[in-house]
Amino acid sequence: MKITLFGATGGTGREVLRQALDAGHEVTAVVRDPARLDHSHPNLTVLQADVTEPAAIGPAIAGRDAVVSALGSRQGRAPTTICADGATGIVKAMKIEGVRRLVVVSASGMFTEGDGPLTRFLAKPILTRVLEHPFADMRRMEGLVRASGLEWTIVRPPMLTDGPRTGSYRSAIDRNVRGGIRLSRADLADCILRCLADRGPLNAAVAVGN
């Protein structure tokens, strides 16, 4: 499979990149700073471009089978627009280039459907206040993806760790995984690549957790 990856220098993006290449896929990584991508492979192409400029990222998307966005803010709790701005550029470029399959990473912390009472009424209200700005950016991103008309999947992980890839995580469609409060970035990458391999679920949000 030929995959275009955005956010390849982040924690999740690095895992997606490594696992995709190990599985024999061809990956084009679109990055702002190639120096931050300490990975080389015969099936890896690196393009330096601004994700918010459709014309600049178009060459990386043309002829690809799928696009993965693991974009996220590096500013902690500060106001950010990277996810929404990135989605805007990616969707426009995909439509121009005629590529339809899109998988994006969001977060389960913004939602309570499927959660137990303790998480729903105690933990989540605190979390949504602490991460108000990143969550607002991700909500805008999700809205843009849902309205794109593309064949999309939104993957919503909980708190991410640097643990190993186990493949034993749980998932749920359009609702959170009850009690699934942590997930390794390696397992998140595994889930993303499974969504691509399985061609779905399409036009749905998939929550994943241990």
N, C-alpha and C. Protein backbone atom coordinates (compact mmCIF):
# COMPACT_ATOMS: atom_id res chain seq x y z
N MET A 1 0.84 -1.19 0.00
CA MET A 1 0.00 0.00 0.00
C MET A 1 0.89 1.25 0.00
N LYS A 2 0.46 2.26 -0.70
CA LYS A 2 1.18 3.53 -0.74
C LYS A 2 0.48 4.51 0.19
N ILE A 3 1.18 4.95 1.23
CA ILE A 3 0.59 5.76 2.29
C ILE A 3 1.30 7.10 2.39
N THR A 4 0.53 8.17 2.53
CA THR A 4 1.08 9.48 2.85
C THR A 4 0.82 9.73 4.33
N LEU A 5 1.86 10.10 5.06
CA LEU A 5 1.77 10.27 6.51
C LEU A 5 2.12 11.69 6.92
N PHE A 6 1.22 12.31 7.66
CA PHE A 6 1.45 13.62 8.26
C PHE A 6 1.64 13.43 9.77
N GLY A 7 2.57 14.20 10.34
CA GLY A 7 2.85 14.05 11.77
C GLY A 7 3.85 12.94 12.05
N ALA A 8 4.70 12.65 11.08
CA ALA A 8 5.63 11.52 11.20
C ALA A 8 6.71 11.74 12.25
N THR A 9 6.94 12.98 12.69
CA THR A 9 7.99 13.23 13.68
C THR A 9 7.46 13.20 15.11
N GLY A 10 6.15 13.01 15.29
CA GLY A 10 5.58 12.90 16.62
C GLY A 10 5.63 11.46 17.12
N GLY A 11 5.24 11.27 18.38
CA GLY A 11 5.31 9.95 18.97
C GLY A 11 4.49 8.91 18.25
N THR A 12 3.24 9.23 17.93
CA THR A 12 2.39 8.29 17.20
C THR A 12 2.84 8.15 15.76
N GLY A 13 3.19 9.26 15.13
CA GLY A 13 3.62 9.22 13.74
C GLY A 13 4.85 8.35 13.53
N ARG A 14 5.78 8.42 14.45
CA ARG A 14 6.98 7.59 14.34
C ARG A 14 6.63 6.11 14.38
N GLU A 15 5.66 5.75 15.23
CA GLU A 15 5.25 4.35 15.32
C GLU A 15 4.52 3.91 14.04
N VAL A 16 3.66 4.77 13.52
CA VAL A 16 2.98 4.44 12.26
C VAL A 16 4.01 4.25 11.15
N LEU A 17 4.98 5.15 11.10
CA LEU A 17 6.01 5.07 10.07
C LEU A 17 6.79 3.77 10.18
N ARG A 18 7.25 3.44 11.38
CA ARG A 18 8.06 2.24 11.57
C ARG A 18 7.27 0.98 11.22
N GLN A 19 6.06 0.88 11.74
CA GLN A 19 5.26 -0.33 11.49
C GLN A 19 4.85 -0.46 10.03
N ALA A 20 4.53 0.66 9.40
CA ALA A 20 4.14 0.62 7.98
C ALA A 20 5.30 0.14 7.12
N LEU A 21 6.49 0.66 7.38
CA LEU A 21 7.66 0.25 6.60
C LEU A 21 8.01 -1.22 6.88
N ASP A 22 7.91 -1.63 8.14
CA ASP A 22 8.19 -3.02 8.48
C ASP A 22 7.23 -3.97 7.77
N ALA A 23 6.00 -3.48 7.52
CA ALA A 23 4.98 -4.31 6.87
C ALA A 23 5.11 -4.29 5.35
N GLY A 24 6.07 -3.53 4.82
CA GLY A 24 6.30 -3.51 3.39
C GLY A 24 5.57 -2.43 2.63
N HIS A 25 4.92 -1.49 3.35
CA HIS A 25 4.23 -0.40 2.67
C HIS A 25 5.23 0.65 2.19
N GLU A 26 4.82 1.42 1.19
CA GLU A 26 5.58 2.58 0.74
C GLU A 26 5.02 3.81 1.43
N VAL A 27 5.88 4.57 2.10
CA VAL A 27 5.41 5.71 2.90
C VAL A 27 6.06 7.00 2.42
N THR A 28 5.23 8.01 2.20
CA THR A 28 5.71 9.37 1.98
C THR A 28 5.40 10.17 3.23
N ALA A 29 6.43 10.61 3.93
CA ALA A 29 6.27 11.39 5.16
C ALA A 29 6.40 12.87 4.84
N VAL A 30 5.35 13.63 5.16
CA VAL A 30 5.36 15.07 4.93
C VAL A 30 5.68 15.75 6.25
N VAL A 31 6.78 16.50 6.29
CA VAL A 31 7.26 17.10 7.53
C VAL A 31 7.68 18.55 7.30
N ARG A 32 7.65 19.32 8.37
CA ARG A 32 8.16 20.68 8.30
C ARG A 32 9.69 20.70 8.36
N ASP A 33 10.25 19.83 9.21
CA ASP A 33 11.69 19.82 9.45
C ASP A 33 12.22 18.40 9.27
N PRO A 34 12.79 18.07 8.11
CA PRO A 34 13.31 16.73 7.86
C PRO A 34 14.37 16.29 8.86
N ALA A 35 15.07 17.25 9.47
CA ALA A 35 16.12 16.91 10.42
C ALA A 35 15.57 16.20 11.65
N ARG A 36 14.28 16.36 11.92
CA ARG A 36 13.66 15.74 13.09
C ARG A 36 13.21 14.30 12.80
N LEU A 37 13.34 13.87 11.56
CA LEU A 37 12.91 12.52 11.18
C LEU A 37 14.16 11.63 11.07
N ASP A 38 14.49 10.94 12.16
CA ASP A 38 15.70 10.13 12.19
C ASP A 38 15.41 8.70 11.75
N HIS A 39 14.95 8.58 10.50
CA HIS A 39 14.57 7.26 9.98
C HIS A 39 14.90 7.23 8.50
N SER A 40 15.45 6.12 8.06
CA SER A 40 15.72 5.94 6.64
C SER A 40 15.31 4.53 6.24
N HIS A 41 14.82 4.40 5.01
CA HIS A 41 14.34 3.10 4.53
C HIS A 41 14.16 3.22 3.02
N PRO A 42 14.39 2.14 2.28
CA PRO A 42 14.22 2.21 0.81
C PRO A 42 12.80 2.57 0.40
N ASN A 43 11.80 2.25 1.24
CA ASN A 43 10.40 2.54 0.89
C ASN A 43 9.91 3.86 1.48
N LEU A 44 10.83 4.66 2.01
CA LEU A 44 10.45 5.94 2.63
C LEU A 44 10.87 7.11 1.76
N THR A 45 9.90 8.00 1.47
CA THR A 45 10.16 9.27 0.80
C THR A 45 9.79 10.39 1.75
N VAL A 46 10.64 11.37 1.89
CA VAL A 46 10.39 12.50 2.79
C VAL A 46 10.18 13.77 1.97
N LEU A 47 9.09 14.46 2.25
CA LEU A 47 8.80 15.73 1.58
C LEU A 47 8.67 16.83 2.63
N GLN A 48 9.41 17.89 2.47
CA GLN A 48 9.30 19.04 3.35
C GLN A 48 8.24 19.98 2.80
N ALA A 49 7.16 20.19 3.58
CA ALA A 49 6.07 21.03 3.10
C ALA A 49 5.21 21.46 4.27
N ASP A 50 4.44 22.51 4.06
CA ASP A 50 3.48 23.02 5.04
C ASP A 50 2.14 22.36 4.80
N VAL A 51 1.65 21.63 5.79
CA VAL A 51 0.40 20.87 5.64
C VAL A 51 -0.80 21.76 5.35
N THR A 52 -0.71 23.03 5.68
CA THR A 52 -1.84 23.93 5.46
C THR A 52 -1.90 24.45 4.02
N GLU A 53 -0.94 24.08 3.18
CA GLU A 53 -0.90 24.53 1.79
C GLU A 53 -1.17 23.36 0.85
N PRO A 54 -2.40 23.22 0.36
CA PRO A 54 -2.76 22.08 -0.49
C PRO A 54 -1.85 21.90 -1.69
N ALA A 55 -1.44 22.99 -2.32
CA ALA A 55 -0.58 22.87 -3.50
C ALA A 55 0.78 22.29 -3.14
N ALA A 56 1.25 22.57 -1.93
CA ALA A 56 2.57 22.10 -1.52
C ALA A 56 2.55 20.62 -1.17
N ILE A 57 1.45 20.14 -0.60
CA ILE A 57 1.39 18.74 -0.19
C ILE A 57 0.77 17.83 -1.25
N GLY A 58 0.22 18.43 -2.29
CA GLY A 58 -0.40 17.65 -3.36
C GLY A 58 0.50 16.59 -3.96
N PRO A 59 1.78 16.91 -4.27
CA PRO A 59 2.66 15.90 -4.86
C PRO A 59 2.87 14.68 -3.96
N ALA A 60 2.77 14.86 -2.64
CA ALA A 60 2.94 13.74 -1.71
C ALA A 60 1.70 12.86 -1.65
N ILE A 61 0.56 13.41 -2.06
CA ILE A 61 -0.71 12.69 -1.99
C ILE A 61 -1.08 12.04 -3.33
N ALA A 62 -0.67 12.65 -4.41
CA ALA A 62 -1.02 12.14 -5.74
C ALA A 62 -0.59 10.69 -5.91
N GLY A 63 -1.51 9.85 -6.35
CA GLY A 63 -1.20 8.46 -6.62
C GLY A 63 -1.12 7.56 -5.41
N ARG A 64 -1.44 8.10 -4.24
CA ARG A 64 -1.37 7.29 -3.01
C ARG A 64 -2.67 6.53 -2.80
N ASP A 65 -2.59 5.45 -2.04
CA ASP A 65 -3.78 4.67 -1.70
C ASP A 65 -4.52 5.23 -0.49
N ALA A 66 -3.79 5.88 0.42
CA ALA A 66 -4.42 6.38 1.65
C ALA A 66 -3.55 7.46 2.27
N VAL A 67 -4.20 8.28 3.09
CA VAL A 67 -3.53 9.35 3.84
C VAL A 67 -3.80 9.14 5.32
N VAL A 68 -2.76 9.28 6.14
CA VAL A 68 -2.89 9.18 7.59
C VAL A 68 -2.42 10.49 8.20
N SER A 69 -3.22 11.07 9.10
CA SER A 69 -2.81 12.26 9.82
C SER A 69 -2.68 11.94 11.30
N ALA A 70 -1.44 12.04 11.79
CA ALA A 70 -1.17 11.90 13.22
C ALA A 70 -0.71 13.24 13.78
N LEU A 71 -1.23 14.31 13.19
CA LEU A 71 -0.88 15.66 13.63
C LEU A 71 -1.39 15.92 15.05
N GLY A 72 -0.63 16.69 15.80
CA GLY A 72 -1.04 17.07 17.14
C GLY A 72 -0.22 18.25 17.61
N SER A 73 -0.74 18.95 18.59
CA SER A 73 -0.06 20.14 19.10
C SER A 73 1.10 19.76 20.01
N ARG A 74 2.18 20.52 19.93
CA ARG A 74 3.31 20.37 20.83
C ARG A 74 3.29 21.45 21.92
N GLN A 75 2.17 22.18 22.00
CA GLN A 75 2.08 23.32 22.91
C GLN A 75 1.36 22.99 24.21
N GLY A 76 1.16 21.71 24.49
CA GLY A 76 0.50 21.35 25.74
C GLY A 76 -0.94 21.81 25.79
N ARG A 77 -1.26 22.63 26.80
CA ARG A 77 -2.63 23.11 26.99
C ARG A 77 -2.93 24.41 26.27
N ALA A 78 -1.97 24.97 25.59
CA ALA A 78 -2.12 26.28 24.96
C ALA A 78 -3.07 26.21 23.76
N PRO A 79 -3.66 27.37 23.40
CA PRO A 79 -4.51 27.41 22.20
C PRO A 79 -3.75 26.92 20.98
N THR A 80 -4.42 26.17 20.13
CA THR A 80 -3.78 25.61 18.95
C THR A 80 -4.81 25.40 17.84
N THR A 81 -4.34 25.39 16.61
CA THR A 81 -5.22 25.13 15.47
C THR A 81 -4.60 24.11 14.51
N ILE A 82 -3.55 23.42 14.94
CA ILE A 82 -2.80 22.56 14.03
C ILE A 82 -3.65 21.43 13.46
N CYS A 83 -4.50 20.82 14.29
CA CYS A 83 -5.30 19.69 13.79
C CYS A 83 -6.33 20.17 12.76
N ALA A 84 -7.03 21.24 13.08
CA ALA A 84 -8.05 21.76 12.16
C ALA A 84 -7.43 22.33 10.90
N ASP A 85 -6.36 23.10 11.05
CA ASP A 85 -5.69 23.67 9.89
C ASP A 85 -5.10 22.58 9.00
N GLY A 86 -4.52 21.56 9.64
CA GLY A 86 -3.97 20.45 8.90
C GLY A 86 -5.04 19.69 8.13
N ALA A 87 -6.17 19.44 8.80
CA ALA A 87 -7.26 18.73 8.14
C ALA A 87 -7.78 19.51 6.94
N THR A 88 -7.86 20.82 7.07
CA THR A 88 -8.32 21.66 5.97
C THR A 88 -7.42 21.49 4.75
N GLY A 89 -6.11 21.57 4.97
CA GLY A 89 -5.17 21.42 3.87
C GLY A 89 -5.17 20.03 3.27
N ILE A 90 -5.23 19.02 4.13
CA ILE A 90 -5.20 17.63 3.66
C ILE A 90 -6.43 17.30 2.84
N VAL A 91 -7.61 17.67 3.34
CA VAL A 91 -8.86 17.37 2.63
C VAL A 91 -8.88 18.04 1.27
N LYS A 92 -8.46 19.30 1.20
CA LYS A 92 -8.44 20.01 -0.08
C LYS A 92 -7.49 19.33 -1.06
N ALA A 93 -6.30 18.96 -0.57
CA ALA A 93 -5.33 18.32 -1.45
C ALA A 93 -5.81 16.95 -1.92
N MET A 94 -6.45 16.21 -1.03
CA MET A 94 -6.96 14.89 -1.42
C MET A 94 -8.03 15.00 -2.50
N LYS A 95 -8.89 15.98 -2.37
CA LYS A 95 -9.93 16.17 -3.38
C LYS A 95 -9.32 16.56 -4.72
N ILE A 96 -8.32 17.40 -4.69
CA ILE A 96 -7.67 17.82 -5.94
C ILE A 96 -7.00 16.62 -6.61
N GLU A 97 -6.36 15.77 -5.80
CA GLU A 97 -5.58 14.65 -6.35
C GLU A 97 -6.41 13.39 -6.55
N GLY A 98 -7.67 13.40 -6.11
CA GLY A 98 -8.53 12.24 -6.32
C GLY A 98 -8.24 11.07 -5.42
N VAL A 99 -7.67 11.31 -4.23
CA VAL A 99 -7.40 10.27 -3.25
C VAL A 99 -8.49 10.33 -2.18
N ARG A 100 -9.08 9.19 -1.81
CA ARG A 100 -10.28 9.23 -0.98
C ARG A 100 -10.12 8.66 0.44
N ARG A 101 -9.15 7.80 0.68
CA ARG A 101 -9.06 7.12 1.98
C ARG A 101 -8.25 7.95 2.96
N LEU A 102 -8.87 8.28 4.11
CA LEU A 102 -8.25 9.13 5.12
C LEU A 102 -8.47 8.56 6.51
N VAL A 103 -7.39 8.45 7.28
CA VAL A 103 -7.47 8.07 8.70
C VAL A 103 -6.81 9.17 9.51
N VAL A 104 -7.52 9.68 10.52
CA VAL A 104 -6.97 10.74 11.36
C VAL A 104 -7.02 10.33 12.82
N VAL A 105 -6.08 10.85 13.60
CA VAL A 105 -6.02 10.58 15.03
C VAL A 105 -6.66 11.73 15.80
N SER A 106 -7.60 11.41 16.67
CA SER A 106 -8.25 12.39 17.52
C SER A 106 -8.00 12.00 18.98
N ALA A 107 -9.03 12.04 19.83
CA ALA A 107 -8.87 11.67 21.24
C ALA A 107 -10.21 11.26 21.82
N SER A 108 -10.21 10.25 22.68
CA SER A 108 -11.45 9.80 23.31
C SER A 108 -11.83 10.66 24.51
N GLY A 109 -10.88 11.46 25.01
CA GLY A 109 -11.13 12.25 26.21
C GLY A 109 -12.21 13.30 26.07
N MET A 110 -12.55 13.66 24.84
CA MET A 110 -13.58 14.69 24.61
C MET A 110 -14.98 14.13 24.73
N PHE A 111 -15.11 12.81 24.78
CA PHE A 111 -16.42 12.18 24.67
C PHE A 111 -16.69 11.29 25.88
N THR A 112 -17.97 11.06 26.19
CA THR A 112 -18.32 10.26 27.35
C THR A 112 -19.19 9.05 27.00
N GLU A 113 -19.71 8.98 25.79
CA GLU A 113 -20.54 7.84 25.42
C GLU A 113 -19.75 6.54 25.58
N GLY A 114 -20.28 5.62 26.38
CA GLY A 114 -19.61 4.35 26.63
C GLY A 114 -18.81 4.32 27.91
N ASP A 115 -18.55 5.50 28.51
CA ASP A 115 -17.78 5.55 29.76
C ASP A 115 -18.63 5.14 30.95
N GLY A 116 -17.95 4.66 32.01
CA GLY A 116 -18.61 4.38 33.26
C GLY A 116 -18.92 5.67 34.02
N PRO A 117 -19.74 5.61 35.07
CA PRO A 117 -20.15 6.81 35.81
C PRO A 117 -18.99 7.61 36.38
N LEU A 118 -17.97 6.95 36.95
CA LEU A 118 -16.85 7.66 37.55
C LEU A 118 -16.09 8.47 36.51
N THR A 119 -15.85 7.85 35.36
CA THR A 119 -15.15 8.56 34.29
C THR A 119 -16.01 9.68 33.73
N ARG A 120 -17.27 9.38 33.50
CA ARG A 120 -18.18 10.34 32.87
C ARG A 120 -18.41 11.59 33.72
N PHE A 121 -18.63 11.40 35.01
CA PHE A 121 -19.07 12.53 35.85
C PHE A 121 -17.96 13.14 36.71
N LEU A 122 -16.83 12.45 36.83
CA LEU A 122 -15.75 12.99 37.64
C LEU A 122 -14.50 13.28 36.82
N ALA A 123 -13.98 12.27 36.16
CA ALA A 123 -12.70 12.43 35.45
C ALA A 123 -12.82 13.29 34.20
N LYS A 124 -13.84 13.05 33.39
CA LYS A 124 -13.95 13.76 32.11
C LYS A 124 -14.20 15.26 32.26
N PRO A 125 -15.05 15.71 33.20
CA PRO A 125 -15.21 17.16 33.34
C PRO A 125 -13.90 17.87 33.68
N ILE A 126 -13.06 17.23 34.50
CA ILE A 126 -11.77 17.82 34.83
C ILE A 126 -10.86 17.82 33.61
N LEU A 127 -10.83 16.70 32.92
CA LEU A 127 -9.96 16.57 31.74
C LEU A 127 -10.33 17.57 30.66
N THR A 128 -11.61 17.76 30.42
CA THR A 128 -12.03 18.68 29.35
C THR A 128 -11.71 20.13 29.70
N ARG A 129 -11.66 20.45 30.98
CA ARG A 129 -11.25 21.81 31.37
C ARG A 129 -9.75 21.98 31.19
N VAL A 130 -8.98 20.99 31.60
CA VAL A 130 -7.52 21.07 31.50
C VAL A 130 -7.07 21.14 30.04
N LEU A 131 -7.70 20.34 29.19
CA LEU A 131 -7.30 20.26 27.78
C LEU A 131 -8.31 20.96 26.87
N GLU A 132 -8.87 22.03 27.35
CA GLU A 132 -9.90 22.76 26.61
C GLU A 132 -9.46 23.11 25.19
N HIS A 133 -8.26 23.68 25.06
CA HIS A 133 -7.84 24.18 23.75
C HIS A 133 -7.47 23.05 22.78
N PRO A 134 -6.66 22.07 23.18
CA PRO A 134 -6.39 20.97 22.25
C PRO A 134 -7.66 20.22 21.84
N PHE A 135 -8.58 20.03 22.79
CA PHE A 135 -9.82 19.34 22.47
C PHE A 135 -10.67 20.14 21.50
N ALA A 136 -10.71 21.46 21.67
CA ALA A 136 -11.47 22.31 20.75
C ALA A 136 -10.91 22.19 19.33
N ASP A 137 -9.60 22.14 19.22
CA ASP A 137 -8.96 21.98 17.91
C ASP A 137 -9.33 20.64 17.30
N MET A 138 -9.31 19.58 18.10
CA MET A 138 -9.65 18.26 17.58
C MET A 138 -11.12 18.16 17.19
N ARG A 139 -11.99 18.82 17.93
CA ARG A 139 -13.41 18.82 17.55
C ARG A 139 -13.61 19.48 16.20
N ARG A 140 -12.92 20.58 15.97
CA ARG A 140 -13.01 21.25 14.67
C ARG A 140 -12.46 20.33 13.57
N MET A 141 -11.38 19.67 13.86
CA MET A 141 -10.81 18.73 12.90
C MET A 141 -11.79 17.62 12.56
N GLU A 142 -12.41 17.04 13.58
CA GLU A 142 -13.38 15.98 13.34
C GLU A 142 -14.54 16.46 12.47
N GLY A 143 -15.00 17.67 12.74
CA GLY A 143 -16.09 18.22 11.93
C GLY A 143 -15.70 18.37 10.47
N LEU A 144 -14.49 18.83 10.23
CA LEU A 144 -14.01 18.98 8.85
C LEU A 144 -13.89 17.63 8.15
N VAL A 145 -13.41 16.64 8.85
CA VAL A 145 -13.26 15.31 8.27
C VAL A 145 -14.63 14.71 7.97
N ARG A 146 -15.56 14.84 8.90
CA ARG A 146 -16.91 14.28 8.71
C ARG A 146 -17.61 14.91 7.51
N ALA A 147 -17.35 16.19 7.28
CA ALA A 147 -18.01 16.90 6.18
C ALA A 147 -17.25 16.80 4.86
N SER A 148 -16.15 16.06 4.84
CA SER A 148 -15.26 16.07 3.68
C SER A 148 -15.80 15.33 2.47
N GLY A 149 -16.68 14.36 2.69
CA GLY A 149 -17.12 13.52 1.58
C GLY A 149 -16.13 12.43 1.21
N LEU A 150 -15.05 12.30 1.97
CA LEU A 150 -14.05 11.28 1.72
C LEU A 150 -14.42 9.98 2.44
N GLU A 151 -13.64 8.95 2.24
CA GLU A 151 -13.81 7.69 2.96
C GLU A 151 -12.91 7.75 4.20
N TRP A 152 -13.47 8.23 5.30
CA TRP A 152 -12.67 8.56 6.46
C TRP A 152 -12.91 7.62 7.64
N THR A 153 -11.90 7.55 8.49
CA THR A 153 -12.01 6.90 9.79
C THR A 153 -11.31 7.79 10.81
N ILE A 154 -11.99 8.10 11.91
CA ILE A 154 -11.40 8.85 13.01
C ILE A 154 -11.05 7.85 14.10
N VAL A 155 -9.79 7.84 14.53
CA VAL A 155 -9.35 6.94 15.59
C VAL A 155 -9.15 7.76 16.86
N ARG A 156 -9.84 7.34 17.94
CA ARG A 156 -9.82 8.08 19.20
C ARG A 156 -9.15 7.28 20.30
N PRO A 157 -7.88 7.55 20.58
CA PRO A 157 -7.20 6.87 21.68
C PRO A 157 -7.39 7.61 23.00
N PRO A 158 -7.14 6.93 24.14
CA PRO A 158 -7.14 7.59 25.43
C PRO A 158 -5.73 8.12 25.72
N MET A 159 -5.33 8.17 26.99
CA MET A 159 -3.98 8.59 27.36
C MET A 159 -2.96 7.65 26.72
N LEU A 160 -1.96 8.23 26.07
CA LEU A 160 -0.98 7.42 25.35
C LEU A 160 0.29 7.20 26.16
N THR A 161 0.87 6.01 26.00
CA THR A 161 2.10 5.65 26.69
C THR A 161 3.13 5.20 25.66
N ASP A 162 4.34 4.96 26.13
CA ASP A 162 5.41 4.48 25.26
C ASP A 162 5.61 2.97 25.41
N GLY A 163 4.57 2.27 25.79
CA GLY A 163 4.65 0.83 25.97
C GLY A 163 4.79 0.09 24.65
N PRO A 164 4.89 -1.23 24.73
CA PRO A 164 5.11 -2.04 23.52
C PRO A 164 3.84 -2.26 22.72
N ARG A 165 4.03 -2.75 21.53
CA ARG A 165 2.90 -3.17 20.69
C ARG A 165 2.44 -4.55 21.14
N THR A 166 1.17 -4.64 21.53
CA THR A 166 0.63 -5.91 22.02
C THR A 166 -0.41 -6.51 21.08
N GLY A 167 -1.16 -5.64 20.39
CA GLY A 167 -2.23 -6.09 19.51
C GLY A 167 -3.44 -6.60 20.26
N SER A 168 -3.46 -6.43 21.59
CA SER A 168 -4.55 -6.98 22.41
C SER A 168 -5.51 -5.92 22.93
N TYR A 169 -5.48 -4.74 22.34
CA TYR A 169 -6.36 -3.66 22.76
C TYR A 169 -7.80 -3.93 22.34
N ARG A 170 -8.72 -3.14 22.93
CA ARG A 170 -10.14 -3.24 22.59
C ARG A 170 -10.54 -2.01 21.78
N SER A 171 -11.61 -2.14 21.01
CA SER A 171 -12.09 -1.01 20.23
C SER A 171 -13.61 -0.98 20.23
N ALA A 172 -14.17 0.19 19.94
CA ALA A 172 -15.62 0.36 19.87
C ALA A 172 -15.92 1.46 18.86
N ILE A 173 -17.00 1.29 18.13
CA ILE A 173 -17.37 2.26 17.11
C ILE A 173 -18.34 3.28 17.65
N ASP A 174 -17.99 4.56 17.50
CA ASP A 174 -18.82 5.70 17.91
C ASP A 174 -19.16 5.70 19.39
N ARG A 175 -18.32 5.08 20.21
CA ARG A 175 -18.44 5.14 21.66
C ARG A 175 -17.09 4.75 22.26
N ASN A 176 -16.83 5.20 23.48
CA ASN A 176 -15.56 4.90 24.12
C ASN A 176 -15.49 3.46 24.60
N VAL A 177 -14.26 2.99 24.79
CA VAL A 177 -14.02 1.67 25.36
C VAL A 177 -14.07 1.81 26.88
N ARG A 178 -15.05 1.23 27.51
CA ARG A 178 -15.22 1.39 28.95
C ARG A 178 -14.00 0.85 29.70
N GLY A 179 -13.43 1.70 30.53
CA GLY A 179 -12.25 1.32 31.30
C GLY A 179 -10.96 1.37 30.52
N GLY A 180 -11.02 1.69 29.25
CA GLY A 180 -9.81 1.74 28.43
C GLY A 180 -9.15 3.10 28.52
N ILE A 181 -8.47 3.36 29.62
CA ILE A 181 -7.96 4.71 29.89
C ILE A 181 -6.53 4.92 29.40
N ARG A 182 -5.86 3.87 28.95
CA ARG A 182 -4.50 4.00 28.45
C ARG A 182 -4.31 3.13 27.21
N LEU A 183 -3.33 3.51 26.41
CA LEU A 183 -2.99 2.74 25.21
C LEU A 183 -1.57 3.13 24.80
N SER A 184 -0.79 2.17 24.38
CA SER A 184 0.55 2.50 23.89
C SER A 184 0.46 3.10 22.49
N ARG A 185 1.39 3.98 22.19
CA ARG A 185 1.44 4.55 20.84
C ARG A 185 1.67 3.46 19.80
N ALA A 186 2.38 2.41 20.19
CA ALA A 186 2.63 1.30 19.27
C ALA A 186 1.32 0.59 18.93
N ASP A 187 0.45 0.40 19.92
CA ASP A 187 -0.85 -0.23 19.65
C ASP A 187 -1.77 0.71 18.87
N LEU A 188 -1.66 2.01 19.12
CA LEU A 188 -2.44 2.96 18.33
C LEU A 188 -2.03 2.88 16.87
N ALA A 189 -0.74 2.83 16.61
CA ALA A 189 -0.26 2.69 15.23
C ALA A 189 -0.76 1.40 14.61
N ASP A 190 -0.77 0.33 15.38
CA ASP A 190 -1.29 -0.95 14.90
C ASP A 190 -2.75 -0.81 14.49
N CYS A 191 -3.54 -0.12 15.30
CA CYS A 191 -4.96 0.09 15.00
C CYS A 191 -5.13 0.89 13.72
N ILE A 192 -4.34 1.94 13.56
CA ILE A 192 -4.42 2.76 12.35
C ILE A 192 -4.15 1.94 11.10
N LEU A 193 -3.12 1.14 11.15
CA LEU A 193 -2.77 0.33 9.98
C LEU A 193 -3.79 -0.77 9.74
N ARG A 194 -4.42 -1.28 10.77
CA ARG A 194 -5.50 -2.25 10.60
C ARG A 194 -6.70 -1.60 9.92
N CYS A 195 -6.99 -0.35 10.29
CA CYS A 195 -8.10 0.36 9.64
C CYS A 195 -7.84 0.50 8.14
N LEU A 196 -6.59 0.73 7.77
CA LEU A 196 -6.25 0.83 6.35
C LEU A 196 -6.34 -0.53 5.67
N ALA A 197 -5.80 -1.56 6.31
CA ALA A 197 -5.80 -2.89 5.71
C ALA A 197 -7.21 -3.45 5.56
N ASP A 198 -8.07 -3.14 6.54
CA ASP A 198 -9.44 -3.67 6.53
C ASP A 198 -10.41 -2.79 5.74
N ARG A 199 -9.89 -1.64 5.25
CA ARG A 199 -10.74 -0.68 4.52
C ARG A 199 -11.90 -0.18 5.38
N GLY A 200 -11.71 -0.08 6.66
CA GLY A 200 -12.80 0.41 7.49
C GLY A 200 -12.49 0.29 8.96
N PRO A 201 -13.45 0.65 9.79
CA PRO A 201 -14.81 1.07 9.40
C PRO A 201 -14.79 2.44 8.71
N LEU A 202 -15.64 2.57 7.71
CA LEU A 202 -15.69 3.82 6.95
C LEU A 202 -16.71 4.78 7.55
N ASN A 203 -16.34 6.06 7.52
CA ASN A 203 -17.23 7.13 7.99
C ASN A 203 -17.70 6.84 9.41
N ALA A 204 -16.75 6.51 10.27
CA ALA A 204 -17.04 6.19 11.67
C ALA A 204 -15.85 6.58 12.53
N ALA A 205 -16.13 6.79 13.81
CA ALA A 205 -15.10 7.04 14.79
C ALA A 205 -14.85 5.76 15.58
N VAL A 206 -13.60 5.38 15.71
CA VAL A 206 -13.23 4.16 16.42
C VAL A 206 -12.44 4.52 17.68
N ALA A 207 -13.02 4.26 18.84
CA ALA A 207 -12.30 4.44 20.10
C ALA A 207 -11.50 3.17 20.37
N VAL A 208 -10.33 3.33 20.93
CA VAL A 208 -9.45 2.19 21.19
C VAL A 208 -8.80 2.37 22.55
N GLY A 209 -8.63 1.28 23.29
CA GLY A 209 -8.01 1.33 24.61
C GLY A 209 -7.74 -0.05 25.13
N ASN A 210 -6.92 -0.17 26.14
CA ASN A 210 -6.62 -1.48 26.73
C ASN A 210 -7.76 -1.95 27.62
